[in-house]
Amino acid sequence: MGEMQAVTSWQHDKSELSATEERWVEKAQAGDRIAFEQLYLGHRDRIYALCWRLCGGDRALAEDMMQDAFVRAWNKLHLFRGEAKFGTWLHRVTVNVVLSDRRIRLRRVQREQPLNEVVERSLVGDRDVYAGLREDLEVAIGKLPERARTVLVLYDIEGYQHKEIAEMTGMAVGSSKAQLHRARKLVREMLDSPGSLNKDE
């Protein structure tokens, strides 16, 4: 009986939280910055984690991308129709911000020199992997070439399907699948060879 009450209470709290968030969204759409700040506080950790993974563990770049994503969300809030949860919409906005930034960096580098894996990985910032990372898996993901990492994060961690990834990144569905296969293989190889996970790089 106690368990049933706990579950009911949790569902009630979750429902209440969702209704509160809907009110914040409505107020923010009307220009209420304090309401938007509440949305920011409620979602910043998850959005930062997504940016951090997509940026290969570069904390400074992830912070910049998170801020850009919330600025974009504020500017595009009038487009949010409530057909999905606000968090889902914000998540999509964030992925688009990071991928757009990456395309700009890529174009800049391509004008200067031919693209190779070393250049591709350097586009995320000064470092591919922050020296203080503790978990080997995160380190391995951070060391992946950028396109492979993007597909791995979006598919295996964030739950997007290949069709959605193809739409967001501009690559073919087959390329998305190939990049996922490549990413998983490289991660396995790095995890099987501890010397390749030098965390001080």
Protein backbone atom coordinates (compact mmCIF):
# COMPACT_ATOMS: atom_id res chain seq x y z
CA MET A 1 0.00 0.00 0.00
CA GLY A 2 2.87 2.36 0.90
CA GLU A 3 4.47 1.68 -2.48
CA MET A 4 1.21 2.50 -4.29
CA GLN A 5 0.93 5.82 -2.44
CA ALA A 6 4.57 6.63 -3.27
CA VAL A 7 4.01 5.92 -6.99
CA THR A 8 0.80 7.98 -7.03
CA SER A 9 2.56 10.82 -5.22
CA TRP A 10 5.46 10.69 -7.69
CA GLN A 11 3.09 10.74 -10.68
CA HIS A 12 1.22 13.68 -9.14
CA ASP A 13 4.50 15.57 -8.59
CA LYS A 14 5.59 14.84 -12.16
CA SER A 15 2.25 16.02 -13.52
CA GLU A 16 2.42 19.15 -11.38
CA LEU A 17 5.96 19.85 -12.60
CA SER A 18 4.83 19.46 -16.22
CA ALA A 19 1.92 21.88 -15.67
CA THR A 20 4.27 24.37 -14.01
CA GLU A 21 6.67 24.15 -16.95
CA GLU A 22 3.80 24.76 -19.37
CA ARG A 23 2.93 27.94 -17.45
CA TRP A 24 6.57 29.07 -17.58
CA VAL A 25 6.64 28.46 -21.34
CA GLU A 26 3.45 30.50 -21.84
CA LYS A 27 4.81 33.36 -19.74
CA ALA A 28 8.18 33.24 -21.48
CA GLN A 29 6.46 33.34 -24.87
CA ALA A 30 4.77 36.53 -23.66
CA GLY A 31 8.21 38.01 -22.94
CA ASP A 32 8.61 37.11 -19.26
CA ARG A 33 12.38 36.71 -18.76
CA ILE A 34 11.99 35.39 -15.21
CA ALA A 35 9.83 32.54 -16.50
CA PHE A 36 12.47 31.75 -19.13
CA GLU A 37 15.11 31.77 -16.40
CA GLN A 38 13.10 29.05 -14.64
CA LEU A 39 13.12 27.02 -17.86
CA TYR A 40 16.87 27.59 -18.10
CA LEU A 41 17.44 26.40 -14.52
CA GLY A 42 15.30 23.32 -15.12
CA HIS A 43 17.11 22.22 -18.29
CA ARG A 44 20.66 23.60 -18.18
CA ASP A 45 22.32 20.45 -16.76
CA ARG A 46 20.91 18.14 -19.43
CA ILE A 47 21.62 20.63 -22.21
CA TYR A 48 25.18 21.15 -20.97
CA ALA A 49 25.72 17.36 -20.87
CA LEU A 50 24.52 17.07 -24.48
CA CYS A 51 26.80 19.92 -25.60
CA TRP A 52 29.73 18.49 -23.66
CA ARG A 53 29.43 15.14 -25.41
CA LEU A 54 28.92 16.65 -28.85
CA CYS A 55 31.93 18.93 -28.25
CA GLY A 56 34.21 16.03 -27.35
CA GLY A 57 34.53 16.95 -23.68
CA ASP A 58 35.68 20.55 -24.29
CA ARG A 59 34.11 22.33 -21.31
CA ALA A 60 34.60 25.88 -22.58
CA LEU A 61 33.09 25.10 -25.98
CA ALA A 62 30.22 23.16 -24.37
CA GLU A 63 29.46 26.15 -22.13
CA ASP A 64 29.45 28.47 -25.17
CA MET A 65 27.19 26.11 -27.11
CA MET A 66 24.79 25.79 -24.17
CA GLN A 67 24.52 29.58 -23.90
CA ASP A 68 24.00 29.88 -27.66
CA ALA A 69 21.29 27.21 -27.50
CA PHE A 70 19.36 29.06 -24.80
CA VAL A 71 19.71 32.36 -26.67
CA ARG A 72 18.40 30.64 -29.81
CA ALA A 73 15.55 29.08 -27.80
CA TRP A 74 14.59 32.50 -26.38
CA ASN A 75 14.61 34.04 -29.88
CA LYS A 76 12.64 31.15 -31.41
CA LEU A 77 10.26 30.56 -28.49
CA HIS A 78 7.34 31.93 -30.50
CA LEU A 79 7.77 28.93 -32.82
CA PHE A 80 7.24 26.43 -29.99
CA ARG A 81 3.71 25.05 -30.45
CA GLY A 82 3.57 22.59 -27.58
CA GLU A 83 3.22 19.57 -29.89
CA ALA A 84 6.18 18.01 -28.03
CA LYS A 85 7.48 18.69 -24.54
CA PHE A 86 9.52 21.86 -24.15
CA GLY A 87 12.58 19.78 -23.18
CA THR A 88 12.35 17.79 -26.42
CA TRP A 89 12.07 20.98 -28.48
CA LEU A 90 14.99 22.57 -26.60
CA HIS A 91 17.06 19.43 -27.15
CA ARG A 92 16.51 19.68 -30.92
CA VAL A 93 17.37 23.40 -30.90
CA THR A 94 20.62 22.57 -29.08
CA VAL A 95 21.66 19.86 -31.53
CA ASN A 96 21.03 22.29 -34.40
CA VAL A 97 23.12 25.02 -32.71
CA VAL A 98 26.08 22.66 -32.17
CA LEU A 99 25.91 21.24 -35.70
CA SER A 100 25.60 24.72 -37.20
CA ASP A 101 28.65 25.90 -35.27
CA ARG A 102 30.53 22.81 -36.45
CA ARG A 103 29.65 23.50 -40.10
CA ILE A 104 31.00 27.05 -39.77
CA ARG A 105 34.26 25.76 -38.24
CA LEU A 106 34.53 23.10 -40.92
CA ARG A 107 34.10 25.59 -43.78
CA ARG A 108 36.75 27.84 -42.24
CA VAL A 109 39.26 24.98 -41.97
CA GLN A 110 38.48 23.59 -45.43
CA ARG A 111 39.38 26.95 -46.97
CA GLU A 112 42.77 26.74 -45.29
CA GLN A 113 43.81 23.08 -45.68
CA PRO A 114 42.57 19.66 -46.81
CA LEU A 115 40.37 17.90 -44.25
CA ASN A 116 41.70 14.87 -42.42
CA GLU A 117 40.82 13.19 -39.14
CA VAL A 118 43.26 15.25 -37.10
CA VAL A 119 41.81 18.49 -38.45
CA GLU A 120 38.25 17.18 -38.10
CA ARG A 121 38.83 16.38 -34.42
CA SER A 122 40.46 19.76 -33.76
CA LEU A 123 37.33 21.62 -34.82
CA VAL A 124 35.74 21.10 -31.43
CA GLY A 125 38.15 23.48 -29.69
CA ASP A 126 41.62 23.57 -28.22
CA ARG A 127 41.36 20.09 -26.70
CA ASP A 128 39.44 16.98 -27.73
CA VAL A 129 39.30 15.66 -24.19
CA TYR A 130 39.47 17.60 -20.94
CA ALA A 131 42.36 16.39 -18.77
CA GLY A 132 40.18 15.74 -15.71
CA LEU A 133 37.82 13.19 -17.28
CA ARG A 134 37.51 10.11 -15.13
CA GLU A 135 35.48 7.67 -17.14
CA ASP A 136 37.20 5.79 -19.95
CA LEU A 137 34.05 5.62 -22.04
CA GLU A 138 33.61 9.38 -22.05
CA VAL A 139 37.29 9.78 -22.91
CA ALA A 140 36.96 7.31 -25.77
CA ILE A 141 33.85 9.09 -27.10
CA GLY A 142 35.67 12.40 -26.89
CA LYS A 143 38.56 11.04 -28.96
CA LEU A 144 36.34 9.94 -31.84
CA PRO A 145 36.46 11.83 -35.14
CA GLU A 146 33.76 14.46 -35.05
CA ARG A 147 31.17 12.97 -37.40
CA ALA A 148 31.47 9.51 -35.83
CA ARG A 149 31.11 11.03 -32.35
CA THR A 150 28.06 13.04 -33.37
CA VAL A 151 26.24 9.98 -34.69
CA LEU A 152 27.21 7.87 -31.66
CA VAL A 153 25.99 10.52 -29.19
CA LEU A 154 22.75 11.19 -31.06
CA TYR A 155 21.93 7.51 -31.70
CA ASP A 156 23.26 5.58 -28.70
CA ILE A 157 22.98 8.21 -25.97
CA GLU A 158 20.19 10.56 -27.03
CA GLY A 159 17.98 8.01 -28.80
CA TYR A 160 17.56 9.60 -32.24
CA GLN A 161 16.92 7.35 -35.26
CA HIS A 162 19.20 7.35 -38.32
CA LYS A 163 16.61 9.19 -40.41
CA GLU A 164 16.45 12.02 -37.84
CA ILE A 165 20.25 12.15 -37.58
CA ALA A 166 20.51 12.31 -41.38
CA GLU A 167 18.08 15.27 -41.43
CA MET A 168 19.94 17.12 -38.68
CA THR A 169 23.46 16.56 -40.01
CA GLY A 170 22.85 16.61 -43.75
CA MET A 171 24.40 13.16 -44.25
CA ALA A 172 22.69 10.19 -45.90
CA VAL A 173 21.02 7.54 -43.73
CA GLY A 174 23.60 5.02 -44.95
CA SER A 175 26.42 7.36 -43.92
CA SER A 176 24.88 7.74 -40.47
CA LYS A 177 24.80 3.95 -40.08
CA ALA A 178 28.39 3.65 -41.32
CA GLN A 179 29.57 6.37 -38.92
CA LEU A 180 27.82 4.62 -36.01
CA HIS A 181 29.51 1.33 -36.90
CA ARG A 182 32.86 3.10 -37.18
CA ALA A 183 32.37 4.93 -33.86
CA ARG A 184 31.45 1.77 -31.95
CA LYS A 185 34.43 -0.07 -33.42
CA LEU A 186 36.84 2.74 -32.49
CA VAL A 187 35.44 2.99 -28.95
CA ARG A 188 35.83 -0.77 -28.49
CA GLU A 189 39.40 -0.61 -29.72
CA MET A 190 40.25 2.26 -27.36
CA LEU A 191 38.64 0.51 -24.39
CA ASP A 192 40.51 -2.71 -25.23
CA SER A 193 43.79 -0.79 -25.41
CA PRO A 194 44.07 1.30 -22.20
CA GLY A 195 47.26 2.98 -23.43
CA SER A 196 45.24 4.77 -26.13
CA LEU A 197 43.17 6.51 -23.44
CA ASN A 198 45.81 8.95 -22.30
CA LYS A 199 43.68 11.36 -20.31
CA ASP A 200 46.34 14.04 -20.20
CA GLU A 201 46.26 14.73 -23.95
